[in-house]
Amino acid sequence: MRRLAMTSFLFGSCLDQREQQGQPVEVPLTVANQKFDPAEVKVKAGQPFVLVVTNNDPKKAVEVENKDLRIEKVVPAGKTVSIRVRALKPGTYVFVDDFNKSAQVKIVAE
């Protein structure tokens, strides 16, 4: 529990520093066993960000997609890809693996 609190604190500090420097915040996301981790991510509404997607599956690619936002990006097996996302209005946006629709991640803009 202490480790989780420290990681959250450090991650939050990094986000604040990146925002102050005018750089988009990087949001880490992992795909493993046909699931996104974490399954829900919170971002600040009105600010662009970068999804940094790591595909830990050694054999299968994933396609991160949200049709409403016109985002569609293939992440090859064992690779990491950065996906720039424009500033979002407050709300919930669901991204799916187009190759496996049951794998979803919710991006909550607050």
PDB file of N, CA and C in Angstrom:
ATOM      1  N   MET A   1       0.822  -1.184   0.000  1.00  0.00           N
ATOM      2  CA  MET A   1       0.000   0.000   0.000  1.00  0.00           C
ATOM      3  C   MET A   1       0.873   1.256   0.000  1.00  0.00           C
ATOM      4  N   ARG A   2       1.932   1.210   0.766  1.00  0.00           N
ATOM      5  CA  ARG A   2       2.838   2.347   0.836  1.00  0.00           C
ATOM      6  C   ARG A   2       3.491   2.590  -0.523  1.00  0.00           C
ATOM      7  N   ARG A   3       3.846   1.487  -1.203  1.00  0.00           N
ATOM      8  CA  ARG A   3       4.475   1.598  -2.523  1.00  0.00           C
ATOM      9  C   ARG A   3       3.504   2.244  -3.518  1.00  0.00           C
ATOM     10  N   LEU A   4       2.221   1.845  -3.476  1.00  0.00           N
ATOM     11  CA  LEU A   4       1.216   2.412  -4.365  1.00  0.00           C
ATOM     12  C   LEU A   4       1.060   3.908  -4.113  1.00  0.00           C
ATOM     13  N   ALA A   5       1.031   4.299  -2.847  1.00  0.00           N
ATOM     14  CA  ALA A   5       0.900   5.716  -2.509  1.00  0.00           C
ATOM     15  C   ALA A   5       2.096   6.504  -3.025  1.00  0.00           C
ATOM     16  N   MET A   6       3.293   5.967  -2.868  1.00  0.00           N
ATOM     17  CA  MET A   6       4.499   6.653  -3.324  1.00  0.00           C
ATOM     18  C   MET A   6       4.513   6.752  -4.846  1.00  0.00           C
ATOM     19  N   THR A   7       4.126   5.676  -5.534  1.00  0.00           N
ATOM     20  CA  THR A   7       4.084   5.689  -6.994  1.00  0.00           C
ATOM     21  C   THR A   7       3.087   6.731  -7.482  1.00  0.00           C
ATOM     22  N   SER A   8       1.917   6.792  -6.851  1.00  0.00           N
ATOM     23  CA  SER A   8       0.903   7.779  -7.226  1.00  0.00           C
ATOM     24  C   SER A   8       1.427   9.191  -7.014  1.00  0.00           C
ATOM     25  N   PHE A   9       2.108   9.414  -5.899  1.00  0.00           N
ATOM     26  CA  PHE A   9       2.668  10.734  -5.602  1.00  0.00           C
ATOM     27  C   PHE A   9       3.700  11.120  -6.655  1.00  0.00           C
ATOM     28  N   LEU A  10       4.624  10.203  -6.953  1.00  0.00           N
ATOM     29  CA  LEU A  10       5.672  10.496  -7.934  1.00  0.00           C
ATOM     30  C   LEU A  10       5.083  10.714  -9.318  1.00  0.00           C
ATOM     31  N   PHE A  11       4.113   9.876  -9.714  1.00  0.00           N
ATOM     32  CA  PHE A  11       3.480  10.021 -11.016  1.00  0.00           C
ATOM     33  C   PHE A  11       2.772  11.363 -11.099  1.00  0.00           C
ATOM     34  N   GLY A  12       2.067  11.741 -10.037  1.00  0.00           N
ATOM     35  CA  GLY A  12       1.378  13.026  -9.994  1.00  0.00           C
ATOM     36  C   GLY A  12       2.347  14.187 -10.103  1.00  0.00           C
ATOM     37  N   SER A  13       3.505  14.070  -9.440  1.00  0.00           N
ATOM     38  CA  SER A  13       4.519  15.121  -9.512  1.00  0.00           C
ATOM     39  C   SER A  13       5.047  15.264 -10.925  1.00  0.00           C
ATOM     40  N   CYS A  14       5.269  14.142 -11.598  1.00  0.00           N
ATOM     41  CA  CYS A  14       5.747  14.173 -12.985  1.00  0.00           C
ATOM     42  C   CYS A  14       4.715  14.840 -13.888  1.00  0.00           C
ATOM     43  N   LEU A  15       3.441  14.525 -13.655  1.00  0.00           N
ATOM     44  CA  LEU A  15       2.386  15.124 -14.468  1.00  0.00           C
ATOM     45  C   LEU A  15       2.387  16.635 -14.289  1.00  0.00           C
ATOM     46  N   ASP A  16       2.489  17.101 -13.034  1.00  0.00           N
ATOM     47  CA  ASP A  16       2.488  18.534 -12.776  1.00  0.00           C
ATOM     48  C   ASP A  16       3.665  19.222 -13.461  1.00  0.00           C
ATOM     49  N   GLN A  17       4.850  18.612 -13.410  1.00  0.00           N
ATOM     50  CA  GLN A  17       6.025  19.198 -14.042  1.00  0.00           C
ATOM     51  C   GLN A  17       5.849  19.292 -15.551  1.00  0.00           C
ATOM     52  N   ARG A  18       5.332  18.242 -16.182  1.00  0.00           N
ATOM     53  CA  ARG A  18       5.137  18.243 -17.632  1.00  0.00           C
ATOM     54  C   ARG A  18       4.115  19.310 -18.017  1.00  0.00           C
ATOM     55  N   GLU A  19       3.035  19.434 -17.228  1.00  0.00           N
ATOM     56  CA  GLU A  19       2.018  20.441 -17.524  1.00  0.00           C
ATOM     57  C   GLU A  19       2.609  21.841 -17.437  1.00  0.00           C
ATOM     58  N   GLN A  20       3.443  22.083 -16.428  1.00  0.00           N
ATOM     59  CA  GLN A  20       4.037  23.398 -16.243  1.00  0.00           C
ATOM     60  C   GLN A  20       4.977  23.740 -17.386  1.00  0.00           C
ATOM     61  N   GLN A  21       5.587  22.740 -17.987  1.00  0.00           N
ATOM     62  CA  GLN A  21       6.516  22.975 -19.087  1.00  0.00           C
ATOM     63  C   GLN A  21       5.804  23.073 -20.430  1.00  0.00           C
ATOM     64  N   GLY A  22       4.483  22.940 -20.443  1.00  0.00           N
ATOM     65  CA  GLY A  22       3.727  23.059 -21.669  1.00  0.00           C
ATOM     66  C   GLY A  22       3.740  21.805 -22.529  1.00  0.00           C
ATOM     67  N   GLN A  23       4.239  20.710 -22.000  1.00  0.00           N
ATOM     68  CA  GLN A  23       4.278  19.450 -22.737  1.00  0.00           C
ATOM     69  C   GLN A  23       3.038  18.636 -22.400  1.00  0.00           C
ATOM     70  N   PRO A  24       2.546  17.879 -23.386  1.00  0.00           N
ATOM     71  CA  PRO A  24       1.394  17.024 -23.071  1.00  0.00           C
ATOM     72  C   PRO A  24       1.768  15.978 -22.018  1.00  0.00           C
ATOM     73  N   VAL A  25       0.831  15.675 -21.150  1.00  0.00           N
ATOM     74  CA  VAL A  25       1.020  14.670 -20.114  1.00  0.00           C
ATOM     75  C   VAL A  25       1.061  13.298 -20.779  1.00  0.00           C
ATOM     76  N   GLU A  26       1.971  12.442 -20.330  1.00  0.00           N
ATOM     77  CA  GLU A  26       2.034  11.072 -20.821  1.00  0.00           C
ATOM     78  C   GLU A  26       1.255  10.170 -19.873  1.00  0.00           C
ATOM     79  N   VAL A  27       0.357   9.380 -20.443  1.00  0.00           N
ATOM     80  CA  VAL A  27      -0.487   8.472 -19.665  1.00  0.00           C
ATOM     81  C   VAL A  27      -0.094   7.048 -20.037  1.00  0.00           C
ATOM     82  N   PRO A  28       0.572   6.315 -19.125  1.00  0.00           N
ATOM     83  CA  PRO A  28       0.989   4.947 -19.446  1.00  0.00           C
ATOM     84  C   PRO A  28      -0.185   3.975 -19.431  1.00  0.00           C
ATOM     85  N   LEU A  29      -0.160   3.065 -20.385  1.00  0.00           N
ATOM     86  CA  LEU A  29      -1.202   2.055 -20.531  1.00  0.00           C
ATOM     87  C   LEU A  29      -0.537   0.782 -21.026  1.00  0.00           C
ATOM     88  N   THR A  30      -0.891  -0.329 -20.414  1.00  0.00           N
ATOM     89  CA  THR A  30      -0.299  -1.610 -20.789  1.00  0.00           C
ATOM     90  C   THR A  30      -1.387  -2.543 -21.289  1.00  0.00           C
ATOM     91  N   VAL A  31      -1.052  -3.331 -22.304  1.00  0.00           N
ATOM     92  CA  VAL A  31      -1.962  -4.367 -22.789  1.00  0.00           C
ATOM     93  C   VAL A  31      -1.283  -5.706 -22.534  1.00  0.00           C
ATOM     94  N   ALA A  32      -1.964  -6.568 -21.783  1.00  0.00           N
ATOM     95  CA  ALA A  32      -1.444  -7.908 -21.487  1.00  0.00           C
ATOM     96  C   ALA A  32      -2.627  -8.846 -21.305  1.00  0.00           C
ATOM     97  N   ASN A  33      -2.480 -10.055 -21.780  1.00  0.00           N
ATOM     98  CA  ASN A  33      -3.544 -11.061 -21.647  1.00  0.00           C
ATOM     99  C   ASN A  33      -4.880 -10.543 -22.168  1.00  0.00           C
ATOM    100  N   GLN A  34      -4.831  -9.803 -23.261  1.00  0.00           N
ATOM    101  CA  GLN A  34      -6.009  -9.246 -23.933  1.00  0.00           C
ATOM    102  C   GLN A  34      -6.820  -8.309 -23.040  1.00  0.00           C
ATOM    103  N   LYS A  35      -6.128  -7.573 -22.150  1.00  0.00           N
ATOM    104  CA  LYS A  35      -6.771  -6.583 -21.278  1.00  0.00           C
ATOM    105  C   LYS A  35      -5.893  -5.340 -21.199  1.00  0.00           C
ATOM    106  N   PHE A  36      -6.559  -4.194 -21.047  1.00  0.00           N
ATOM    107  CA  PHE A  36      -5.839  -2.947 -20.799  1.00  0.00           C
ATOM    108  C   PHE A  36      -5.642  -2.796 -19.296  1.00  0.00           C
ATOM    109  N   ASP A  37      -4.504  -2.264 -18.917  1.00  0.00           N
ATOM    110  CA  ASP A  37      -4.224  -2.009 -17.513  1.00  0.00           C
ATOM    111  C   ASP A  37      -3.582  -0.634 -17.398  1.00  0.00           C
ATOM    112  N   PRO A  38      -4.160   0.276 -16.681  1.00  0.00           N
ATOM    113  CA  PRO A  38      -5.401   0.183 -15.929  1.00  0.00           C
ATOM    114  C   PRO A  38      -6.609   0.195 -16.874  1.00  0.00           C
ATOM    115  N   ALA A  39      -7.753  -0.230 -16.375  1.00  0.00           N
ATOM    116  CA  ALA A  39      -8.978  -0.289 -17.173  1.00  0.00           C
ATOM    117  C   ALA A  39      -9.660   1.070 -17.275  1.00  0.00           C
ATOM    118  N   GLU A  40      -9.269   1.989 -16.395  1.00  0.00           N
ATOM    119  CA  GLU A  40      -9.819   3.352 -16.424  1.00  0.00           C
ATOM    120  C   GLU A  40      -8.715   4.340 -16.086  1.00  0.00           C
ATOM    121  N   VAL A  41      -8.657   5.425 -16.861  1.00  0.00           N
ATOM    122  CA  VAL A  41      -7.638   6.451 -16.674  1.00  0.00           C
ATOM    123  C   VAL A  41      -8.335   7.796 -16.609  1.00  0.00           C
ATOM    124  N   LYS A  42      -7.903   8.655 -15.687  1.00  0.00           N
ATOM    125  CA  LYS A  42      -8.461  10.001 -15.577  1.00  0.00           C
ATOM    126  C   LYS A  42      -7.445  11.008 -16.117  1.00  0.00           C
ATOM    127  N   VAL A  43      -7.961  11.943 -16.929  1.00  0.00           N
ATOM    128  CA  VAL A  43      -7.138  13.019 -17.481  1.00  0.00           C
ATOM    129  C   VAL A  43      -7.852  14.336 -17.242  1.00  0.00           C
ATOM    130  N   LYS A  44      -7.127  15.433 -17.392  1.00  0.00           N
ATOM    131  CA  LYS A  44      -7.740  16.749 -17.237  1.00  0.00           C
ATOM    132  C   LYS A  44      -8.443  17.128 -18.539  1.00  0.00           C
ATOM    133  N   ALA A  45      -9.695  17.524 -18.415  1.00  0.00           N
ATOM    134  CA  ALA A  45     -10.435  17.990 -19.586  1.00  0.00           C
ATOM    135  C   ALA A  45      -9.787  19.272 -20.105  1.00  0.00           C
ATOM    136  N   GLY A  46      -9.807  19.430 -21.410  1.00  0.00           N
ATOM    137  CA  GLY A  46      -9.275  20.652 -22.015  1.00  0.00           C
ATOM    138  C   GLY A  46      -7.778  20.651 -22.223  1.00  0.00           C
ATOM    139  N   GLN A  47      -7.091  19.557 -21.898  1.00  0.00           N
ATOM    140  CA  GLN A  47      -5.641  19.491 -22.081  1.00  0.00           C
ATOM    141  C   GLN A  47      -5.275  18.255 -22.900  1.00  0.00           C
ATOM    142  N   PRO A  48      -4.474  18.441 -23.958  1.00  0.00           N
ATOM    143  CA  PRO A  48      -4.050  17.277 -24.738  1.00  0.00           C
ATOM    144  C   PRO A  48      -3.147  16.379 -23.903  1.00  0.00           C
ATOM    145  N   PHE A  49      -3.070  15.117 -24.291  1.00  0.00           N
ATOM    146  CA  PHE A  49      -2.203  14.176 -23.592  1.00  0.00           C
ATOM    147  C   PHE A  49      -1.715  13.125 -24.571  1.00  0.00           C
ATOM    148  N   VAL A  50      -0.785  12.310 -24.120  1.00  0.00           N
ATOM    149  CA  VAL A  50      -0.224  11.236 -24.941  1.00  0.00           C
ATOM    150  C   VAL A  50      -0.455   9.917 -24.229  1.00  0.00           C
ATOM    151  N   LEU A  51      -1.149   8.995 -24.892  1.00  0.00           N
ATOM    152  CA  LEU A  51      -1.275   7.628 -24.376  1.00  0.00           C
ATOM    153  C   LEU A  51      -0.016   6.884 -24.779  1.00  0.00           C
ATOM    154  N   VAL A  52       0.699   6.357 -23.817  1.00  0.00           N
ATOM    155  CA  VAL A  52       1.893   5.563 -24.093  1.00  0.00           C
ATOM    156  C   VAL A  52       1.498   4.110 -23.862  1.00  0.00           C
ATOM    157  N   VAL A  53       1.240   3.404 -24.956  1.00  0.00           N
ATOM    158  CA  VAL A  53       0.683   2.057 -24.898  1.00  0.00           C
ATOM    159  C   VAL A  53       1.792   1.032 -25.110  1.00  0.00           C
ATOM    160  N   THR A  54       1.951   0.142 -24.124  1.00  0.00           N
ATOM    161  CA  THR A  54       2.929  -0.945 -24.212  1.00  0.00           C
ATOM    162  C   THR A  54       2.172  -2.254 -24.371  1.00  0.00           C
ATOM    163  N   ASN A  55       2.483  -2.965 -25.447  1.00  0.00           N
ATOM    164  CA  ASN A  55       1.860  -4.254 -25.710  1.00  0.00           C
ATOM    165  C   ASN A  55       2.795  -5.348 -25.201  1.00  0.00           C
ATOM    166  N   ASN A  56       2.435  -5.986 -24.092  1.00  0.00           N
ATOM    167  CA  ASN A  56       3.277  -7.029 -23.508  1.00  0.00           C
ATOM    168  C   ASN A  56       3.058  -8.411 -24.101  1.00  0.00           C
ATOM    169  N   ASP A  57       2.137  -8.525 -25.045  1.00  0.00           N
ATOM    170  CA  ASP A  57       1.910  -9.818 -25.699  1.00  0.00           C
ATOM    171  C   ASP A  57       3.040 -10.050 -26.711  1.00  0.00           C
ATOM    172  N   PRO A  58       3.751 -11.165 -26.608  1.00  0.00           N
ATOM    173  CA  PRO A  58       4.877 -11.392 -27.507  1.00  0.00           C
ATOM    174  C   PRO A  58       4.490 -11.791 -28.932  1.00  0.00           C
ATOM    175  N   LYS A  59       3.201 -12.119 -29.158  1.00  0.00           N
ATOM    176  CA  LYS A  59       2.815 -12.622 -30.479  1.00  0.00           C
ATOM    177  C   LYS A  59       1.699 -11.846 -31.176  1.00  0.00           C
ATOM    178  N   LYS A  60       0.846 -11.145 -30.427  1.00  0.00           N
ATOM    179  CA  LYS A  60      -0.317 -10.502 -31.029  1.00  0.00           C
ATOM    180  C   LYS A  60      -0.226  -8.983 -30.957  1.00  0.00           C
ATOM    181  N   ALA A  61      -0.549  -8.352 -32.081  1.00  0.00           N
ATOM    182  CA  ALA A  61      -0.660  -6.900 -32.111  1.00  0.00           C
ATOM    183  C   ALA A  61      -2.020  -6.504 -31.557  1.00  0.00           C
ATOM    184  N   VAL A  62      -2.141  -5.257 -31.114  1.00  0.00           N
ATOM    185  CA  VAL A  62      -3.426  -4.702 -30.715  1.00  0.00           C
ATOM    186  C   VAL A  62      -3.656  -3.426 -31.516  1.00  0.00           C
ATOM    187  N   GLU A  63      -4.917  -3.090 -31.714  1.00  0.00           N
ATOM    188  CA  GLU A  63      -5.247  -1.854 -32.410  1.00  0.00           C
ATOM    189  C   GLU A  63      -6.093  -1.001 -31.480  1.00  0.00           C
ATOM    190  N   VAL A  64      -5.510   0.064 -30.968  1.00  0.00           N
ATOM    191  CA  VAL A  64      -6.189   0.962 -30.043  1.00  0.00           C
ATOM    192  C   VAL A  64      -7.050   1.905 -30.875  1.00  0.00           C
ATOM    193  N   GLU A  65      -8.355   1.906 -30.581  1.00  0.00           N
ATOM    194  CA  GLU A  65      -9.264   2.648 -31.443  1.00  0.00           C
ATOM    195  C   GLU A  65     -10.382   3.337 -30.661  1.00  0.00           C
ATOM    196  N   ASN A  66     -10.711   4.567 -31.104  1.00  0.00           N
ATOM    197  CA  ASN A  66     -11.903   5.270 -30.677  1.00  0.00           C
ATOM    198  C   ASN A  66     -12.432   5.977 -31.919  1.00  0.00           C
ATOM    199  N   LYS A  67     -13.536   5.495 -32.453  1.00  0.00           N
ATOM    200  CA  LYS A  67     -14.065   6.028 -33.715  1.00  0.00           C
ATOM    201  C   LYS A  67     -14.514   7.475 -33.590  1.00  0.00           C
ATOM    202  N   ASP A  68     -15.114   7.853 -32.443  1.00  0.00           N
ATOM    203  CA  ASP A  68     -15.589   9.226 -32.265  1.00  0.00           C
ATOM    204  C   ASP A  68     -14.450  10.238 -32.337  1.00  0.00           C
ATOM    205  N   LEU A  69     -13.295   9.859 -31.801  1.00  0.00           N
ATOM    206  CA  LEU A  69     -12.138  10.759 -31.799  1.00  0.00           C
ATOM    207  C   LEU A  69     -11.249  10.562 -33.028  1.00  0.00           C
ATOM    208  N   ARG A  70     -11.630   9.595 -33.873  1.00  0.00           N
ATOM    209  CA  ARG A  70     -10.863   9.267 -35.082  1.00  0.00           C
ATOM    210  C   ARG A  70      -9.432   8.870 -34.753  1.00  0.00           C
ATOM    211  N   ILE A  71      -9.301   8.032 -33.737  1.00  0.00           N
ATOM    212  CA  ILE A  71      -7.992   7.520 -33.336  1.00  0.00           C
ATOM    213  C   ILE A  71      -7.963   6.025 -33.619  1.00  0.00           C
ATOM    214  N   GLU A  72      -6.922   5.612 -34.306  1.00  0.00           N
ATOM    215  CA  GLU A  72      -6.759   4.205 -34.647  1.00  0.00           C
ATOM    216  C   GLU A  72      -5.255   3.964 -34.814  1.00  0.00           C
ATOM    217  N   LYS A  73      -4.694   3.167 -33.912  1.00  0.00           N
ATOM    218  CA  LYS A  73      -3.247   2.957 -33.941  1.00  0.00           C
ATOM    219  C   LYS A  73      -2.927   1.511 -33.600  1.00  0.00           C
ATOM    220  N   VAL A  74      -2.135   0.866 -34.435  1.00  0.00           N
ATOM    221  CA  VAL A  74      -1.705  -0.512 -34.189  1.00  0.00           C
ATOM    222  C   VAL A  74      -0.460  -0.477 -33.313  1.00  0.00           C
ATOM    223  N   VAL A  75      -0.469  -1.318 -32.276  1.00  0.00           N
ATOM    224  CA  VAL A  75       0.692  -1.472 -31.397  1.00  0.00           C
ATOM    225  C   VAL A  75       1.205  -2.897 -31.619  1.00  0.00           C
ATOM    226  N   PRO A  76       2.340  -3.037 -32.307  1.00  0.00           N
ATOM    227  CA  PRO A  76       2.864  -4.379 -32.588  1.00  0.00           C
ATOM    228  C   PRO A  76       3.199  -5.147 -31.307  1.00  0.00           C
ATOM    229  N   ALA A  77       3.232  -6.452 -31.426  1.00  0.00           N
ATOM    230  CA  ALA A  77       3.569  -7.324 -30.294  1.00  0.00           C
ATOM    231  C   ALA A  77       4.917  -6.923 -29.709  1.00  0.00           C
ATOM    232  N   GLY A  78       4.950  -6.777 -28.376  1.00  0.00           N
ATOM    233  CA  GLY A  78       6.190  -6.471 -27.674  1.00  0.00           C
ATOM    234  C   GLY A  78       6.705  -5.059 -27.851  1.00  0.00           C
ATOM    235  N   LYS A  79       5.913  -4.158 -28.374  1.00  0.00           N
ATOM    236  CA  LYS A  79       6.357  -2.780 -28.648  1.00  0.00           C
ATOM    237  C   LYS A  79       5.584  -1.762 -27.826  1.00  0.00           C
ATOM    238  N   THR A  80       6.096  -0.529 -27.810  1.00  0.00           N
ATOM    239  CA  THR A  80       5.451   0.608 -27.165  1.00  0.00           C
ATOM    240  C   THR A  80       5.222   1.687 -28.205  1.00  0.00           C
ATOM    241  N   VAL A  81       4.023   2.259 -28.206  1.00  0.00           N
ATOM    242  CA  VAL A  81       3.652   3.290 -29.176  1.00  0.00           C
ATOM    243  C   VAL A  81       3.033   4.463 -28.422  1.00  0.00           C
ATOM    244  N   SER A  82       3.354   5.675 -28.864  1.00  0.00           N
ATOM    245  CA  SER A  82       2.752   6.884 -28.292  1.00  0.00           C
ATOM    246  C   SER A  82       1.620   7.353 -29.192  1.00  0.00           C
ATOM    247  N   ILE A  83       0.477   7.660 -28.576  1.00  0.00           N
ATOM    248  CA  ILE A  83      -0.699   8.117 -29.314  1.00  0.00           C
ATOM    249  C   ILE A  83      -1.096   9.484 -28.769  1.00  0.00           C
ATOM    250  N   ARG A  84      -0.986  10.511 -29.602  1.00  0.00           N
ATOM    251  CA  ARG A  84      -1.358  11.860 -29.184  1.00  0.00           C
ATOM    252  C   ARG A  84      -2.879  11.997 -29.221  1.00  0.00           C
ATOM    253  N   VAL A  85      -3.432  12.521 -28.138  1.00  0.00           N
ATOM    254  CA  VAL A  85      -4.877  12.716 -28.037  1.00  0.00           C
ATOM    255  C   VAL A  85      -5.141  14.201 -27.797  1.00  0.00           C
ATOM    256  N   ARG A  86      -6.013  14.768 -28.609  1.00  0.00           N
ATOM    257  CA  ARG A  86      -6.326  16.193 -28.476  1.00  0.00           C
ATOM    258  C   ARG A  86      -7.034  16.458 -27.141  1.00  0.00           C
ATOM    259  N   ALA A  87      -7.144  17.714 -26.786  1.00  0.00           N
ATOM    260  CA  ALA A  87      -7.858  18.090 -25.565  1.00  0.00           C
ATOM    261  C   ALA A  87      -9.304  17.609 -25.654  1.00  0.00           C
ATOM    262  N   LEU A  88      -9.762  16.960 -24.600  1.00  0.00           N
ATOM    263  CA  LEU A  88     -11.102  16.385 -24.585  1.00  0.00           C
ATOM    264  C   LEU A  88     -12.048  17.234 -23.741  1.00  0.00           C
ATOM    265  N   LYS A  89     -13.317  17.231 -24.132  1.00  0.00           N
ATOM    266  CA  LYS A  89     -14.351  17.836 -23.301  1.00  0.00           C
ATOM    267  C   LYS A  89     -14.621  16.887 -22.143  1.00  0.00           C
ATOM    268  N   PRO A  90     -15.155  17.381 -21.025  1.00  0.00           N
ATOM    269  CA  PRO A  90     -15.470  16.480 -19.918  1.00  0.00           C
ATOM    270  C   PRO A  90     -16.384  15.345 -20.382  1.00  0.00           C
ATOM    271  N   GLY A  91     -16.056  14.147 -19.925  1.00  0.00           N
ATOM    272  CA  GLY A  91     -16.857  12.986 -20.295  1.00  0.00           C
ATOM    273  C   GLY A  91     -16.031  11.719 -20.253  1.00  0.00           C
ATOM    274  N   THR A  92     -16.630  10.618 -20.683  1.00  0.00           N
ATOM    275  CA  THR A  92     -15.965   9.319 -20.706  1.00  0.00           C
ATOM    276  C   THR A  92     -15.819   8.875 -22.149  1.00  0.00           C
ATOM    277  N   TYR A  93     -14.627   8.434 -22.496  1.00  0.00           N
ATOM    278  CA  TYR A  93     -14.302   7.998 -23.843  1.00  0.00           C
ATOM    279  C   TYR A  93     -13.784   6.561 -23.756  1.00  0.00           C
ATOM    280  N   VAL A  94     -14.406   5.658 -24.512  1.00  0.00           N
ATOM    281  CA  VAL A  94     -14.019   4.254 -24.464  1.00  0.00           C
ATOM    282  C   VAL A  94     -13.149   3.934 -25.672  1.00  0.00           C
ATOM    283  N   PHE A  95     -11.965   3.409 -25.384  1.00  0.00           N
ATOM    284  CA  PHE A  95     -11.061   2.925 -26.418  1.00  0.00           C
ATOM    285  C   PHE A  95     -11.124   1.405 -26.392  1.00  0.00           C
ATOM    286  N   VAL A  96     -11.100   0.782 -27.568  1.00  0.00           N
ATOM    287  CA  VAL A  96     -11.154  -0.673 -27.652  1.00  0.00           C
ATOM    288  C   VAL A  96      -9.961  -1.182 -28.450  1.00  0.00           C
ATOM    289  N   ASP A  97      -9.657  -2.463 -28.258  1.00  0.00           N
ATOM    290  CA  ASP A  97      -8.727  -3.160 -29.137  1.00  0.00           C
ATOM    291  C   ASP A  97      -9.585  -3.638 -30.301  1.00  0.00           C
ATOM    292  N   ASP A  98      -9.372  -3.081 -31.461  1.00  0.00           N
ATOM    293  CA  ASP A  98     -10.203  -3.415 -32.612  1.00  0.00           C
ATOM    294  C   ASP A  98     -10.093  -4.888 -33.002  1.00  0.00           C
ATOM    295  N   PHE A  99      -9.011  -5.546 -32.595  1.00  0.00           N
ATOM    296  CA  PHE A  99      -8.844  -6.972 -32.881  1.00  0.00           C
ATOM    297  C   PHE A  99      -9.545  -7.831 -31.829  1.00  0.00           C
ATOM    298  N   ASN A 100      -9.892  -7.238 -30.690  1.00  0.00           N
ATOM    299  CA  ASN A 100     -10.550  -7.949 -29.595  1.00  0.00           C
ATOM    300  C   ASN A 100     -11.435  -6.940 -28.857  1.00  0.00           C
ATOM    301  N   LYS A 101     -12.662  -6.791 -29.301  1.00  0.00           N
ATOM    302  CA  LYS A 101     -13.553  -5.735 -28.797  1.00  0.00           C
ATOM    303  C   LYS A 101     -13.839  -5.817 -27.298  1.00  0.00           C
ATOM    304  N   SER A 102     -13.607  -6.985 -26.687  1.00  0.00           N
ATOM    305  CA  SER A 102     -13.859  -7.090 -25.241  1.00  0.00           C
ATOM    306  C   SER A 102     -12.782  -6.385 -24.421  1.00  0.00           C
ATOM    307  N   ALA A 103     -11.632  -6.105 -25.025  1.00  0.00           N
ATOM    308  CA  ALA A 103     -10.565  -5.366 -24.335  1.00  0.00           C
ATOM    309  C   ALA A 103     -10.856  -3.873 -24.499  1.00  0.00           C
ATOM    310  N   GLN A 104     -11.166  -3.204 -23.373  1.00  0.00           N
ATOM    311  CA  GLN A 104     -11.531  -1.792 -23.413  1.00  0.00           C
ATOM    312  C   GLN A 104     -10.830  -1.035 -22.283  1.00  0.00           C
ATOM    313  N   VAL A 105     -10.620   0.250 -22.533  1.00  0.00           N
ATOM    314  CA  VAL A 105     -10.125   1.143 -21.502  1.00  0.00           C
ATOM    315  C   VAL A 105     -10.977   2.411 -21.561  1.00  0.00           C
ATOM    316  N   LYS A 106     -11.372   2.916 -20.384  1.00  0.00           N
ATOM    317  CA  LYS A 106     -12.140   4.155 -20.312  1.00  0.00           C
ATOM    318  C   LYS A 106     -11.210   5.305 -19.975  1.00  0.00           C
ATOM    319  N   ILE A 107     -11.299   6.353 -20.761  1.00  0.00           N
ATOM    320  CA  ILE A 107     -10.576   7.579 -20.480  1.00  0.00           C
ATOM    321  C   ILE A 107     -11.628   8.570 -19.967  1.00  0.00           C
ATOM    322  N   VAL A 108     -11.456   9.012 -18.728  1.00  0.00           N
ATOM    323  CA  VAL A 108     -12.405   9.931 -18.109  1.00  0.00           C
ATOM    324  C   VAL A 108     -11.753  11.310 -18.060  1.00  0.00           C
ATOM    325  N   ALA A 109     -12.334  12.247 -18.798  1.00  0.00           N
ATOM    326  CA  ALA A 109     -11.834  13.623 -18.792  1.00  0.00           C
ATOM    327  C   ALA A 109     -12.652  14.417 -17.783  1.00  0.00           C
ATOM    328  N   GLU A 110     -11.960  14.968 -16.790  1.00  0.00           N
ATOM    329  CA  GLU A 110     -12.631  15.737 -15.724  1.00  0.00           C
ATOM    330  C   GLU A 110     -12.124  17.168 -15.697  1.00  0.00           C
TER     331      GLU A 110
END
